[in-house]
């Protein structure tokens, strides 16, 4: 298990917003969006909507879901599941943790089951 990538101070990502981590930094094929949900939790999903080339980090976050800014597909922040059309394929999740006030991303590692 890696030590993770520090992406920001927790206070730097306001509730209801997301931070995009470049694929080159994450070492992944897609950028990763780190979301600060309106319930105070942090989640990470591949950034590109599975329906069309759109950044989920630019979407709307509410009730532990993110809505794609182009065609309103919604994804569960916890599981990555596609929740409505036009998306029918879910997106990949990544483990995130807050440690000593900083947000760490673990690209490719599944989040702990909750």
N, C-alpha and C. Protein backbone atom coordinates (compact mmCIF):
# COMPACT_ATOMS: atom_id res chain seq x y z
N UNK A 1 0.85 -1.18 0.00
CA UNK A 1 0.00 0.00 0.00
C UNK A 1 0.89 1.24 0.00
N UNK A 2 0.56 2.19 -0.85
CA UNK A 2 1.34 3.41 -0.94
C UNK A 2 0.94 4.39 0.17
N UNK A 3 1.71 5.45 0.29
CA UNK A 3 1.39 6.50 1.26
C UNK A 3 0.36 7.47 0.71
N UNK A 4 0.02 7.33 -0.55
CA UNK A 4 -0.95 8.22 -1.17
C UNK A 4 -0.30 9.49 -1.67
N UNK A 5 -1.09 10.25 -2.42
CA UNK A 5 -0.66 11.52 -2.98
C UNK A 5 -1.41 12.62 -2.24
N UNK A 6 -0.68 13.54 -1.63
CA UNK A 6 -1.34 14.67 -0.98
C UNK A 6 -1.86 15.59 -2.09
N UNK A 7 -3.17 15.83 -2.10
CA UNK A 7 -3.75 16.65 -3.16
C UNK A 7 -4.15 18.04 -2.69
N UNK A 8 -4.40 18.21 -1.39
CA UNK A 8 -4.81 19.52 -0.88
C UNK A 8 -5.00 19.44 0.62
N UNK A 9 -5.06 20.60 1.24
CA UNK A 9 -5.53 20.66 2.62
C UNK A 9 -7.04 20.47 2.57
N UNK A 10 -7.60 19.77 3.53
CA UNK A 10 -9.04 19.51 3.54
C UNK A 10 -9.84 20.81 3.47
N UNK A 11 -9.37 21.84 4.14
CA UNK A 11 -10.07 23.13 4.14
C UNK A 11 -10.02 23.84 2.80
N UNK A 12 -9.13 23.41 1.91
CA UNK A 12 -9.00 24.06 0.60
C UNK A 12 -10.03 23.58 -0.41
N UNK A 13 -10.75 22.49 -0.09
CA UNK A 13 -11.80 21.99 -0.98
C UNK A 13 -13.13 22.21 -0.26
N UNK A 14 -13.84 23.22 -0.66
CA UNK A 14 -15.11 23.55 0.00
C UNK A 14 -16.12 22.43 -0.18
N UNK A 15 -17.01 22.28 0.80
CA UNK A 15 -18.09 21.31 0.66
C UNK A 15 -18.89 21.64 -0.59
N UNK A 16 -19.26 20.61 -1.34
CA UNK A 16 -20.03 20.80 -2.56
C UNK A 16 -19.19 21.13 -3.77
N UNK A 17 -17.84 20.99 -3.65
CA UNK A 17 -16.96 21.25 -4.79
C UNK A 17 -16.02 20.06 -4.98
N UNK A 18 -15.25 20.14 -6.06
CA UNK A 18 -14.30 19.08 -6.37
C UNK A 18 -12.99 19.67 -6.85
N UNK A 19 -11.95 18.87 -6.74
CA UNK A 19 -10.62 19.23 -7.22
C UNK A 19 -10.21 18.18 -8.24
N UNK A 20 -9.74 18.62 -9.40
CA UNK A 20 -9.30 17.68 -10.43
C UNK A 20 -7.81 17.44 -10.27
N UNK A 21 -7.42 16.16 -10.22
CA UNK A 21 -6.02 15.75 -10.13
C UNK A 21 -5.63 15.20 -11.50
N UNK A 22 -4.63 15.82 -12.11
CA UNK A 22 -4.19 15.45 -13.45
C UNK A 22 -3.73 14.00 -13.49
N UNK A 23 -4.03 13.31 -14.58
CA UNK A 23 -3.65 11.91 -14.75
C UNK A 23 -2.14 11.71 -14.63
N UNK A 24 -1.36 12.69 -15.07
CA UNK A 24 0.09 12.58 -14.95
C UNK A 24 0.54 12.56 -13.50
N UNK A 25 -0.14 13.30 -12.65
CA UNK A 25 0.18 13.33 -11.23
C UNK A 25 -0.31 12.04 -10.56
N UNK A 26 -1.50 11.59 -10.95
CA UNK A 26 -2.10 10.40 -10.34
C UNK A 26 -1.49 9.10 -10.87
N UNK A 27 -0.87 9.16 -12.05
CA UNK A 27 -0.34 7.95 -12.65
C UNK A 27 -1.43 7.05 -13.19
N UNK A 28 -2.52 7.66 -13.67
CA UNK A 28 -3.67 6.92 -14.17
C UNK A 28 -3.95 7.31 -15.62
N UNK A 29 -4.89 6.57 -16.25
CA UNK A 29 -5.27 6.87 -17.63
C UNK A 29 -6.22 8.06 -17.73
N UNK A 30 -6.91 8.37 -16.66
CA UNK A 30 -7.87 9.47 -16.65
C UNK A 30 -7.55 10.39 -15.47
N UNK A 31 -7.90 11.66 -15.60
CA UNK A 31 -7.82 12.55 -14.45
C UNK A 31 -8.74 11.99 -13.36
N UNK A 32 -8.50 12.38 -12.13
CA UNK A 32 -9.34 11.95 -11.02
C UNK A 32 -9.94 13.18 -10.36
N UNK A 33 -11.23 13.12 -10.08
CA UNK A 33 -11.92 14.20 -9.38
C UNK A 33 -12.06 13.80 -7.91
N UNK A 34 -11.59 14.66 -7.02
CA UNK A 34 -11.73 14.46 -5.58
C UNK A 34 -12.85 15.38 -5.12
N UNK A 35 -13.92 14.78 -4.62
CA UNK A 35 -15.12 15.52 -4.24
C UNK A 35 -15.22 15.68 -2.73
N UNK A 36 -15.65 16.87 -2.29
CA UNK A 36 -15.98 17.11 -0.89
C UNK A 36 -17.50 17.20 -0.84
N UNK A 37 -18.10 16.11 -0.43
CA UNK A 37 -19.56 16.01 -0.44
C UNK A 37 -20.19 16.97 0.55
N UNK A 38 -21.46 17.24 0.32
CA UNK A 38 -22.19 18.13 1.23
C UNK A 38 -22.42 17.49 2.59
N UNK A 39 -22.05 16.20 2.76
CA UNK A 39 -22.13 15.58 4.09
C UNK A 39 -20.78 15.64 4.81
N UNK A 40 -19.79 16.28 4.17
CA UNK A 40 -18.48 16.44 4.77
C UNK A 40 -17.47 15.38 4.40
N UNK A 41 -17.90 14.31 3.73
CA UNK A 41 -16.99 13.23 3.34
C UNK A 41 -16.27 13.56 2.03
N UNK A 42 -15.14 12.88 1.82
CA UNK A 42 -14.38 13.02 0.58
C UNK A 42 -14.47 11.73 -0.21
N UNK A 43 -14.60 11.86 -1.53
CA UNK A 43 -14.69 10.73 -2.44
C UNK A 43 -13.85 11.06 -3.68
N UNK A 44 -13.47 10.01 -4.43
CA UNK A 44 -12.72 10.23 -5.67
C UNK A 44 -13.25 9.29 -6.75
N UNK A 45 -13.47 9.86 -7.93
CA UNK A 45 -13.92 9.12 -9.09
C UNK A 45 -13.06 9.51 -10.29
N UNK A 46 -12.98 8.61 -11.29
CA UNK A 46 -12.40 9.04 -12.55
C UNK A 46 -13.18 10.27 -12.99
N UNK A 47 -12.48 11.24 -13.56
CA UNK A 47 -13.09 12.54 -13.83
C UNK A 47 -13.99 12.56 -15.06
N UNK A 48 -13.74 11.73 -16.04
CA UNK A 48 -14.48 11.81 -17.29
C UNK A 48 -15.80 11.04 -17.21
N UNK A 49 -16.89 11.72 -17.52
CA UNK A 49 -18.21 11.09 -17.56
C UNK A 49 -18.17 9.91 -18.53
N UNK A 50 -18.81 8.82 -18.16
CA UNK A 50 -18.81 7.63 -19.01
C UNK A 50 -19.75 7.77 -20.20
N UNK A 51 -20.58 8.78 -20.20
CA UNK A 51 -21.50 9.00 -21.32
C UNK A 51 -20.87 9.85 -22.40
N UNK A 52 -20.18 10.89 -22.01
CA UNK A 52 -19.58 11.80 -22.98
C UNK A 52 -18.40 12.51 -22.33
N UNK A 53 -17.51 13.00 -23.13
CA UNK A 53 -16.29 13.66 -22.64
C UNK A 53 -16.65 14.94 -21.87
N UNK A 54 -16.86 14.80 -20.59
CA UNK A 54 -17.14 15.94 -19.72
C UNK A 54 -16.47 15.69 -18.38
N UNK A 55 -16.04 16.76 -17.74
CA UNK A 55 -15.37 16.67 -16.45
C UNK A 55 -16.39 16.62 -15.33
N UNK A 56 -16.41 15.51 -14.59
CA UNK A 56 -17.32 15.41 -13.45
C UNK A 56 -16.96 16.40 -12.35
N UNK A 57 -15.70 16.81 -12.28
CA UNK A 57 -15.28 17.81 -11.29
C UNK A 57 -16.01 19.13 -11.50
N UNK A 58 -16.51 19.36 -12.71
CA UNK A 58 -17.26 20.58 -13.02
C UNK A 58 -18.76 20.41 -12.83
N UNK A 59 -19.17 19.23 -12.34
CA UNK A 59 -20.59 18.95 -12.16
C UNK A 59 -21.13 19.48 -10.85
N UNK A 60 -22.40 19.15 -10.59
CA UNK A 60 -23.10 19.60 -9.39
C UNK A 60 -23.11 18.45 -8.39
N UNK A 61 -22.80 18.77 -7.15
CA UNK A 61 -22.71 17.77 -6.10
C UNK A 61 -23.84 17.98 -5.11
N UNK A 62 -24.61 16.91 -4.89
CA UNK A 62 -25.70 16.98 -3.93
C UNK A 62 -26.08 15.55 -3.51
N UNK A 63 -26.36 15.38 -2.23
CA UNK A 63 -26.81 14.08 -1.70
C UNK A 63 -25.88 12.93 -2.11
N UNK A 64 -24.57 13.13 -1.99
CA UNK A 64 -23.56 12.11 -2.32
C UNK A 64 -23.64 11.64 -3.77
N UNK A 65 -24.06 12.53 -4.64
CA UNK A 65 -24.09 12.28 -6.08
C UNK A 65 -23.45 13.45 -6.79
N UNK A 66 -22.91 13.16 -8.00
CA UNK A 66 -22.43 14.23 -8.86
C UNK A 66 -23.22 14.14 -10.16
N UNK A 67 -23.64 15.29 -10.65
CA UNK A 67 -24.38 15.37 -11.91
C UNK A 67 -23.47 15.93 -12.98
N UNK A 68 -23.35 15.21 -14.09
CA UNK A 68 -22.51 15.65 -15.20
C UNK A 68 -23.00 17.00 -15.71
N UNK A 69 -22.08 17.92 -15.99
CA UNK A 69 -22.49 19.25 -16.43
C UNK A 69 -23.03 19.32 -17.85
N UNK A 70 -22.91 18.25 -18.63
CA UNK A 70 -23.38 18.31 -20.03
C UNK A 70 -24.78 17.75 -20.20
N UNK A 71 -25.00 16.48 -19.84
CA UNK A 71 -26.29 15.85 -20.10
C UNK A 71 -26.99 15.35 -18.84
N UNK A 72 -26.54 15.78 -17.67
CA UNK A 72 -27.21 15.51 -16.40
C UNK A 72 -27.21 14.05 -15.94
N UNK A 73 -26.30 13.23 -16.48
CA UNK A 73 -26.14 11.89 -15.92
C UNK A 73 -25.66 12.07 -14.49
N UNK A 74 -26.08 11.18 -13.59
CA UNK A 74 -25.67 11.27 -12.20
C UNK A 74 -24.92 10.01 -11.79
N UNK A 75 -23.93 10.20 -10.91
CA UNK A 75 -23.10 9.10 -10.42
C UNK A 75 -23.04 9.15 -8.90
N UNK A 76 -23.07 7.99 -8.28
CA UNK A 76 -22.92 7.88 -6.84
C UNK A 76 -21.46 8.16 -6.48
N UNK A 77 -21.21 9.08 -5.57
CA UNK A 77 -19.84 9.39 -5.18
C UNK A 77 -19.19 8.24 -4.43
N UNK A 78 -19.96 7.45 -3.72
CA UNK A 78 -19.42 6.36 -2.93
C UNK A 78 -19.03 5.15 -3.78
N UNK A 79 -19.89 4.81 -4.77
CA UNK A 79 -19.69 3.57 -5.54
C UNK A 79 -19.29 3.80 -7.00
N UNK A 80 -19.51 5.00 -7.52
CA UNK A 80 -19.26 5.28 -8.93
C UNK A 80 -20.39 4.81 -9.84
N UNK A 81 -21.43 4.23 -9.27
CA UNK A 81 -22.54 3.70 -10.06
C UNK A 81 -23.25 4.81 -10.84
N UNK A 82 -23.57 4.51 -12.12
CA UNK A 82 -24.40 5.43 -12.91
C UNK A 82 -25.82 5.33 -12.39
N UNK A 83 -26.42 6.46 -12.04
CA UNK A 83 -27.73 6.46 -11.39
C UNK A 83 -28.88 6.80 -12.32
N UNK A 84 -28.57 7.38 -13.49
CA UNK A 84 -29.65 7.70 -14.42
C UNK A 84 -29.08 7.88 -15.83
N UNK A 85 -29.99 7.78 -16.79
CA UNK A 85 -29.62 8.02 -18.18
C UNK A 85 -29.23 9.47 -18.36
N UNK A 86 -28.38 9.78 -19.29
CA UNK A 86 -27.94 8.94 -20.38
C UNK A 86 -26.76 8.02 -20.05
N UNK A 87 -26.14 8.13 -18.89
CA UNK A 87 -25.04 7.22 -18.55
C UNK A 87 -25.61 5.87 -18.15
N UNK A 88 -25.00 4.80 -18.66
CA UNK A 88 -25.41 3.46 -18.28
C UNK A 88 -24.24 2.68 -17.69
N UNK A 89 -23.05 3.25 -17.76
CA UNK A 89 -21.85 2.61 -17.23
C UNK A 89 -21.33 3.45 -16.08
N UNK A 90 -21.02 2.80 -14.97
CA UNK A 90 -20.46 3.50 -13.83
C UNK A 90 -19.02 3.92 -14.09
N UNK A 91 -18.44 4.62 -13.13
CA UNK A 91 -17.07 5.07 -13.25
C UNK A 91 -16.25 4.52 -12.09
N UNK A 92 -14.95 4.53 -12.26
CA UNK A 92 -14.05 3.95 -11.26
C UNK A 92 -13.92 4.85 -10.04
N UNK A 93 -13.89 4.21 -8.87
CA UNK A 93 -13.67 4.93 -7.62
C UNK A 93 -12.23 4.74 -7.16
N UNK A 94 -11.77 5.64 -6.31
CA UNK A 94 -10.41 5.59 -5.75
C UNK A 94 -10.50 5.92 -4.27
N UNK A 95 -9.60 5.34 -3.50
CA UNK A 95 -9.59 5.60 -2.05
C UNK A 95 -9.06 7.00 -1.77
N UNK A 96 -9.69 7.66 -0.81
CA UNK A 96 -9.30 8.99 -0.33
C UNK A 96 -9.31 8.93 1.19
N UNK A 97 -8.36 9.62 1.81
CA UNK A 97 -8.42 9.74 3.27
C UNK A 97 -7.95 11.12 3.67
N UNK A 98 -8.46 11.57 4.80
CA UNK A 98 -8.01 12.83 5.38
C UNK A 98 -7.11 12.47 6.55
N UNK A 99 -5.89 12.98 6.49
CA UNK A 99 -4.89 12.67 7.51
C UNK A 99 -4.21 13.97 7.91
N UNK A 100 -4.26 14.28 9.19
CA UNK A 100 -3.63 15.50 9.72
C UNK A 100 -4.07 16.75 8.96
N UNK A 101 -5.36 16.79 8.57
CA UNK A 101 -5.91 17.96 7.91
C UNK A 101 -5.64 18.03 6.42
N UNK A 102 -4.99 17.00 5.85
CA UNK A 102 -4.69 16.97 4.42
C UNK A 102 -5.45 15.83 3.75
N UNK A 103 -5.80 16.02 2.48
CA UNK A 103 -6.50 15.01 1.69
C UNK A 103 -5.47 14.24 0.89
N UNK A 104 -5.51 12.91 1.03
CA UNK A 104 -4.62 12.01 0.31
C UNK A 104 -5.43 11.13 -0.63
N UNK A 105 -4.94 10.99 -1.84
CA UNK A 105 -5.56 10.17 -2.87
C UNK A 105 -4.71 8.93 -3.09
N UNK A 106 -5.37 7.79 -3.22
CA UNK A 106 -4.70 6.52 -3.49
C UNK A 106 -5.22 5.99 -4.83
N UNK A 107 -4.65 6.47 -5.94
CA UNK A 107 -5.14 6.08 -7.26
C UNK A 107 -5.09 4.56 -7.45
N UNK A 108 -6.18 4.02 -7.96
CA UNK A 108 -6.25 2.60 -8.25
C UNK A 108 -6.65 1.74 -7.06
N UNK A 109 -6.66 2.29 -5.86
CA UNK A 109 -7.08 1.53 -4.68
C UNK A 109 -8.58 1.76 -4.45
N UNK A 110 -9.30 0.68 -4.23
CA UNK A 110 -10.72 0.79 -3.97
C UNK A 110 -10.96 1.40 -2.60
N UNK A 111 -11.99 2.21 -2.48
CA UNK A 111 -12.33 2.77 -1.17
C UNK A 111 -12.74 1.66 -0.20
N UNK A 112 -12.60 1.91 1.07
CA UNK A 112 -13.06 0.94 2.08
C UNK A 112 -14.56 0.81 1.99
N UNK A 113 -15.06 -0.39 2.19
CA UNK A 113 -16.51 -0.63 2.15
C UNK A 113 -17.15 0.10 3.32
N UNK A 114 -18.31 0.66 3.04
CA UNK A 114 -19.03 1.34 4.14
C UNK A 114 -20.46 0.93 4.19
